Amino acid sequence: MRLLTFERHGAVRLGVLAHDRSVIDVAERDGRPEFQSMQALIEAGPAALADLRALADSPGPTLAPGSVRWLAPLPRPAQMRDFLVFEEHMRTAGWNGAKLRAKWGGPSAPPEPQPIPPVWYEQPIYYKCNRFAVAGPGACVKWPNYSSVIDYELEIACVIGASGRDISENDAPKHIFGYTIFNDLTARDAQFKEMQGPLGPAKGKDFDNANILGPVIVTADAVDVGNLAMRAKVNGELWSEGSSSTMHWSFAQMIVHVSRSETLYPGEILGSGTVGGGCGLELGRFLKDGDEVTLEVEGIGAVSARIDAPHVQERLSL
């Protein structure tokens, strides 16, 4: 199933995207508590999901998709973690980051990408995102005034459906509720400055509407994330192409790592990190005021956001 959260007449509702692409207002058909929000549905478990599937397959009224305001499918995640599991991104982004810092007067960049730290191959690496900075399809992102280097990041995210601790790799897929698209917007100049600490990222990632999710959550039984085409377009122009098949660490392995001596809860989100070639830093060019960024992932859909940055009128490049 393809699940969404939308707003209509001032009320936030749980929806199902029907086969004809119309929207089923779930609570309008069945007002039980577990159908009042995406989080309530996730927490209710497999039985509630099976009941929702039966409801969605039955006849009933639907809404035109353009008649509602689409929100992030999980507007307030229980927690957010973003990983770094694509080797090409790890290599190229680090090298281009060094070149960008050199352009700003920092140390000279090495002539070629440097070896990836051994720890990256030993365990999945992640940081915790600001779960209050989530926005959905069509969001306008007012860029922070402390930054002039505007970047997107093309990612997939999994949504945790069942709690667990010390989860095995074989059991990990049972804990995944579904998948969505994640645009991890980044203020690169702020990120590079603060991570010299070394700590972070912090204000390079944490600002209002920085975490774009959507357009739907596709339930885990309806998509195989092992080999999905991933694309990013800016104002309709293709900038990035990649594939989920190039992940070095799987979502199951991420779950194993996070759940070591720590409980994962329903409604948590784990981002994949940026696919190789999936951000402006790797391409050597960045966004500017008015740009519309659209991320597309095969089997999930497309989610767009517009940049509002009147102080950035020119496109910075390496």
Protein backbone atom coordinates (compact mmCIF):
# COMPACT_ATOMS: atom_id res chain seq x y z
CA MET A 1 0.00 0.00 0.00
CA ARG A 2 0.93 3.62 -0.53
CA LEU A 3 0.06 5.67 2.54
CA LEU A 4 -0.01 9.43 2.95
CA THR A 5 -0.87 12.17 5.40
CA PHE A 6 -2.90 15.10 4.13
CA GLU A 7 -4.73 18.18 5.32
CA ARG A 8 -8.31 18.95 4.33
CA HIS A 9 -10.58 21.61 5.78
CA GLY A 10 -8.01 22.25 8.49
CA ALA A 11 -7.86 18.63 9.67
CA VAL A 12 -4.83 16.33 9.31
CA ARG A 13 -5.87 12.91 8.00
CA LEU A 14 -4.43 9.50 7.16
CA GLY A 15 -4.87 8.48 3.54
CA VAL A 16 -4.36 5.58 1.17
CA LEU A 17 -3.46 6.20 -2.46
CA ALA A 18 -5.92 4.08 -4.44
CA HIS A 19 -5.07 2.19 -7.63
CA ASP A 20 -6.52 5.03 -9.71
CA ARG A 21 -4.31 7.52 -7.80
CA SER A 22 -7.27 9.01 -5.93
CA VAL A 23 -7.01 9.49 -2.16
CA ILE A 24 -8.98 7.45 0.35
CA ASP A 25 -9.77 9.39 3.52
CA VAL A 26 -9.34 6.51 5.95
CA ALA A 27 -11.00 8.05 9.00
CA GLU A 28 -14.01 9.05 6.92
CA ARG A 29 -14.64 5.38 6.18
CA ASP A 30 -13.65 4.00 9.58
CA GLY A 31 -13.16 6.18 12.64
CA ARG A 32 -11.33 3.70 14.85
CA PRO A 33 -8.37 5.19 16.82
CA GLU A 34 -5.64 3.38 14.87
CA PHE A 35 -6.79 5.07 11.66
CA GLN A 36 -6.51 8.62 12.99
CA SER A 37 -2.85 9.17 12.04
CA MET A 38 0.16 7.49 10.46
CA GLN A 39 1.84 7.11 13.84
CA ALA A 40 -1.27 5.51 15.35
CA LEU A 41 -1.44 3.07 12.44
CA ILE A 42 2.23 2.13 12.78
CA GLU A 43 1.91 1.58 16.52
CA ALA A 44 -1.22 -0.57 16.06
CA GLY A 45 0.82 -3.22 14.23
CA PRO A 46 0.18 -5.77 11.45
CA ALA A 47 -3.48 -6.46 12.32
CA ALA A 48 -4.42 -2.80 11.82
CA LEU A 49 -2.47 -2.70 8.55
CA ALA A 50 -4.36 -5.78 7.31
CA ASP A 51 -7.67 -4.15 8.22
CA LEU A 52 -6.64 -0.99 6.38
CA ARG A 53 -5.76 -3.03 3.30
CA ALA A 54 -9.23 -4.59 3.31
CA LEU A 55 -10.81 -1.16 3.73
CA ALA A 56 -8.78 0.25 0.83
CA ASP A 57 -9.85 -2.63 -1.43
CA SER A 58 -13.53 -2.06 -0.70
CA PRO A 59 -15.70 0.40 -2.66
CA GLY A 60 -16.22 3.86 -1.25
CA PRO A 61 -15.75 7.60 -1.79
CA THR A 62 -12.36 9.00 -2.73
CA LEU A 63 -10.79 12.43 -3.14
CA ALA A 64 -8.92 13.92 -6.08
CA PRO A 65 -5.21 14.10 -5.14
CA GLY A 66 -5.11 17.78 -6.00
CA SER A 67 -8.00 18.60 -3.69
CA VAL A 68 -5.96 18.04 -0.52
CA ARG A 69 -2.69 19.43 0.83
CA TRP A 70 -0.10 16.69 1.03
CA LEU A 71 2.01 16.69 4.18
CA ALA A 72 5.04 14.64 5.13
CA PRO A 73 3.67 11.09 5.44
CA LEU A 74 5.01 10.94 9.01
CA PRO A 75 4.88 14.59 10.09
CA ARG A 76 6.55 14.08 13.48
CA PRO A 77 8.77 10.99 13.51
CA ALA A 78 9.50 9.41 16.87
CA GLN A 79 13.21 9.79 16.06
CA MET A 80 15.36 10.36 12.98
CA ARG A 81 18.80 8.99 12.20
CA ASP A 82 20.65 9.52 8.94
CA PHE A 83 23.34 7.10 7.82
CA LEU A 84 26.14 7.29 5.26
CA VAL A 85 26.05 3.98 3.41
CA PHE A 86 26.98 4.83 -0.20
CA GLU A 87 30.70 4.48 -0.83
CA GLU A 88 30.83 6.76 -3.88
CA HIS A 89 29.23 9.61 -1.94
CA MET A 90 31.60 9.07 0.98
CA ARG A 91 34.60 9.30 -1.34
CA THR A 92 33.57 12.10 -3.70
CA ALA A 93 31.80 14.35 -1.20
CA GLY A 94 34.82 14.28 1.10
CA TRP A 95 37.19 15.22 -1.72
CA ASN A 96 34.98 17.99 -3.08
CA GLY A 97 34.43 19.26 0.43
CA ALA A 98 38.19 19.67 0.77
CA LYS A 99 38.30 21.56 -2.54
CA LEU A 100 35.49 23.84 -1.42
CA ARG A 101 37.21 24.60 1.89
CA ALA A 102 40.43 25.39 -0.03
CA LYS A 103 38.45 27.79 -2.21
CA TRP A 104 37.41 29.62 0.97
CA GLY A 105 41.02 29.97 2.08
CA GLY A 106 41.48 26.69 3.93
CA PRO A 107 44.26 24.11 3.41
CA SER A 108 44.89 22.92 -0.14
CA ALA A 109 42.83 19.93 -1.21
CA PRO A 110 44.59 16.63 -2.00
CA PRO A 111 45.02 15.87 -5.73
CA GLU A 112 42.68 12.88 -5.50
CA PRO A 113 40.11 11.38 -3.10
CA GLN A 114 41.66 10.13 0.12
CA PRO A 115 41.10 6.64 1.57
CA ILE A 116 37.85 6.21 3.44
CA PRO A 117 38.42 5.75 7.20
CA PRO A 118 38.47 2.03 8.14
CA VAL A 119 35.65 2.50 10.67
CA TRP A 120 33.24 3.21 7.80
CA TYR A 121 33.71 -0.40 6.64
CA GLU A 122 33.47 -1.77 10.17
CA GLN A 123 30.07 -0.36 11.18
CA PRO A 124 27.28 1.84 9.77
CA ILE A 125 27.85 5.51 10.61
CA TYR A 126 24.99 7.89 11.42
CA TYR A 127 23.96 11.11 13.13
CA LYS A 128 20.62 12.12 14.68
CA CYS A 129 18.45 14.57 12.73
CA ASN A 130 16.04 17.20 13.98
CA ARG A 131 12.70 15.39 13.92
CA PHE A 132 10.88 18.72 14.36
CA ALA A 133 12.28 20.04 11.06
CA VAL A 134 10.25 17.70 8.82
CA ALA A 135 8.29 18.99 5.82
CA GLY A 136 6.38 17.33 2.99
CA PRO A 137 5.69 17.62 -0.73
CA GLY A 138 5.72 21.14 -2.14
CA ALA A 139 7.38 22.65 0.92
CA CYS A 140 8.96 26.07 0.70
CA VAL A 141 12.28 26.05 2.55
CA LYS A 142 13.32 29.44 3.86
CA TRP A 143 17.09 29.10 3.71
CA PRO A 144 18.94 30.15 6.87
CA ASN A 145 20.54 33.58 6.63
CA TYR A 146 23.83 32.20 7.99
CA SER A 147 24.34 30.08 4.86
CA SER A 148 24.90 30.74 1.17
CA VAL A 149 25.87 27.22 0.02
CA ILE A 150 22.59 25.40 -0.63
CA ASP A 151 22.56 21.66 -1.26
CA TYR A 152 20.16 18.73 -1.55
CA GLU A 153 20.76 15.06 -0.76
CA LEU A 154 19.00 12.20 -2.56
CA GLU A 155 18.12 9.44 -0.10
CA ILE A 156 15.72 6.63 0.77
CA ALA A 157 14.46 6.21 4.32
CA CYS A 158 12.91 3.28 6.12
CA VAL A 159 10.22 3.66 8.77
CA ILE A 160 10.42 1.40 11.82
CA GLY A 161 7.18 -0.47 12.43
CA ALA A 162 7.91 -2.64 15.46
CA SER A 163 10.01 -1.98 18.53
CA GLY A 164 12.98 -4.15 19.38
CA ARG A 165 16.36 -4.34 21.02
CA ASP A 166 19.44 -6.33 19.97
CA ILE A 167 17.68 -7.23 16.71
CA SER A 168 19.32 -9.86 14.49
CA GLU A 169 19.92 -9.29 10.80
CA ASN A 170 17.46 -12.07 9.93
CA ASP A 171 14.73 -10.49 12.06
CA ALA A 172 15.43 -6.88 11.08
CA PRO A 173 13.13 -6.81 7.99
CA LYS A 174 10.18 -7.67 10.26
CA HIS A 175 10.74 -4.35 12.04
CA ILE A 176 10.37 -2.23 8.87
CA PHE A 177 6.97 -0.68 8.28
CA GLY A 178 7.80 0.89 4.92
CA TYR A 179 9.92 3.29 2.88
CA THR A 180 9.80 6.91 1.77
CA ILE A 181 11.99 9.47 -0.02
CA PHE A 182 14.23 11.72 2.06
CA ASN A 183 15.77 15.02 0.93
CA ASP A 184 18.34 15.88 3.58
CA LEU A 185 18.85 19.57 2.76
CA THR A 186 22.26 20.86 3.85
CA ALA A 187 23.84 24.25 4.49
CA ARG A 188 27.28 23.17 3.33
CA ASP A 189 29.22 26.22 4.51
CA ALA A 190 27.81 25.93 8.03
CA GLN A 191 28.38 22.16 8.02
CA PHE A 192 32.05 22.43 7.01
CA LYS A 193 32.76 25.11 9.58
CA GLU A 194 31.17 23.40 12.57
CA MET A 195 32.51 19.91 11.82
CA GLN A 196 36.09 21.15 12.20
CA GLY A 197 35.17 20.86 15.93
CA PRO A 198 35.01 17.86 15.39
CA LEU A 199 31.35 17.37 16.22
CA GLY A 200 28.09 17.56 14.33
CA PRO A 201 26.57 18.14 11.93
CA ALA A 202 24.34 20.64 13.73
CA LYS A 203 23.27 23.94 12.13
CA GLY A 204 24.44 22.63 8.77
CA LYS A 205 21.42 20.32 8.94
CA ASP A 206 19.11 21.72 11.61
CA PHE A 207 16.84 24.47 10.37
CA ASP A 208 13.11 24.64 9.63
CA ASN A 209 11.87 22.32 6.83
CA ALA A 210 15.35 20.86 6.33
CA ASN A 211 14.10 17.25 6.24
CA ILE A 212 11.76 16.68 3.29
CA LEU A 213 9.87 13.37 3.39
CA GLY A 214 7.33 11.96 0.96
CA PRO A 215 5.26 11.78 -1.01
CA VAL A 216 4.05 8.51 0.57
CA ILE A 217 5.21 5.66 2.74
CA VAL A 218 5.18 2.49 0.65
CA THR A 219 4.64 -0.49 2.93
CA ALA A 220 7.54 -2.93 3.09
CA ASP A 221 5.61 -5.71 1.33
CA ALA A 222 5.03 -3.51 -1.73
CA VAL A 223 8.58 -2.50 -2.68
CA ASP A 224 12.03 -4.13 -2.85
CA VAL A 225 14.61 -1.47 -2.07
CA GLY A 226 17.50 -3.61 -3.28
CA ASN A 227 17.68 -2.06 -6.76
CA LEU A 228 15.69 1.13 -7.21
CA ALA A 229 16.56 3.91 -9.65
CA MET A 230 17.06 7.25 -7.90
CA ARG A 231 17.05 10.68 -9.57
CA ALA A 232 17.22 14.34 -8.62
CA LYS A 233 16.01 17.17 -10.85
CA VAL A 234 16.45 20.91 -10.39
CA ASN A 235 13.85 23.02 -12.17
CA GLY A 236 13.10 19.96 -14.31
CA GLU A 237 16.74 19.40 -15.33
CA LEU A 238 18.27 16.05 -14.39
CA TRP A 239 21.20 16.57 -12.03
CA SER A 240 21.67 13.23 -10.27
CA GLU A 241 21.15 9.56 -11.05
CA GLY A 242 21.94 6.60 -8.85
CA SER A 243 20.71 3.24 -7.59
CA SER A 244 19.89 1.80 -4.19
CA SER A 245 21.81 -1.32 -5.31
CA THR A 246 25.06 0.51 -4.48
CA MET A 247 24.37 0.64 -0.72
CA HIS A 248 27.33 -0.78 1.20
CA TRP A 249 25.20 -1.31 4.33
CA SER A 250 21.60 -2.56 4.11
CA PHE A 251 18.68 -1.25 6.14
CA ALA A 252 18.72 -4.55 8.03
CA GLN A 253 22.35 -3.96 9.00
CA MET A 254 21.53 -0.40 10.07
CA ILE A 255 18.79 -1.74 12.33
CA VAL A 256 21.15 -4.31 13.84
CA HIS A 257 23.68 -1.59 14.64
CA VAL A 258 21.26 0.96 16.11
CA SER A 259 19.45 -1.65 18.24
CA ARG A 260 22.59 -2.85 20.00
CA SER A 261 21.68 -2.37 23.68
CA GLU A 262 19.14 0.27 22.56
CA THR A 263 15.43 -0.05 21.86
CA LEU A 264 14.07 1.04 18.48
CA TYR A 265 10.49 2.33 18.54
CA PRO A 266 7.63 2.45 16.01
CA GLY A 267 7.75 5.61 13.95
CA GLU A 268 11.53 6.05 13.95
CA ILE A 269 13.14 6.88 10.62
CA LEU A 270 16.50 5.66 9.32
CA GLY A 271 17.87 7.49 6.28
CA SER A 272 20.21 5.79 3.85
CA GLY A 273 22.47 8.78 3.34
CA THR A 274 23.12 10.21 -0.10
CA VAL A 275 23.38 7.93 -3.11
CA GLY A 276 26.57 8.34 -5.12
CA GLY A 277 26.35 11.50 -7.23
CA GLY A 278 23.19 12.47 -5.36
CA CYS A 279 24.06 15.97 -4.16
CA GLY A 280 25.42 19.23 -5.48
CA LEU A 281 28.65 18.83 -3.51
CA GLU A 282 29.56 15.79 -5.58
CA LEU A 283 28.60 17.57 -8.80
CA GLY A 284 30.46 20.76 -7.97
CA ARG A 285 27.41 23.03 -8.22
CA PHE A 286 24.81 24.22 -5.76
CA LEU A 287 21.30 25.62 -5.56
CA LYS A 288 20.08 29.21 -5.53
CA ASP A 289 16.97 31.20 -4.72
CA GLY A 290 13.79 29.93 -6.39
CA ASP A 291 15.14 26.51 -7.37
CA GLU A 292 12.70 23.60 -7.21
CA VAL A 293 14.34 20.30 -6.29
CA THR A 294 12.50 17.08 -7.13
CA LEU A 295 13.70 13.72 -5.89
CA GLU A 296 12.39 10.59 -7.58
CA VAL A 297 12.76 7.00 -6.41
CA GLU A 298 11.44 4.11 -8.45
CA GLY A 299 8.51 2.41 -6.75
CA ILE A 300 7.97 5.25 -4.27
CA GLY A 301 7.28 8.40 -6.29
CA ALA A 302 8.58 11.96 -6.37
CA VAL A 303 8.78 14.74 -3.80
CA SER A 304 9.60 18.39 -4.50
CA ALA A 305 10.65 21.40 -2.44
CA ARG A 306 11.32 25.01 -3.37
CA ILE A 307 14.24 27.07 -2.05
CA ASP A 308 13.50 30.54 -0.70
CA ALA A 309 16.90 32.25 -0.39
CA PRO A 310 16.78 35.86 -1.62
CA HIS A 311 20.35 36.36 -0.38
CA VAL A 312 21.63 33.67 -2.83
CA GLN A 313 20.94 34.89 -6.36
CA GLU A 314 23.85 33.14 -8.12
CA ARG A 315 24.66 29.46 -8.38
CA LEU A 316 27.92 28.71 -6.57
CA SER A 317 30.20 26.15 -8.23
CA LEU A 318 33.56 24.54 -7.63
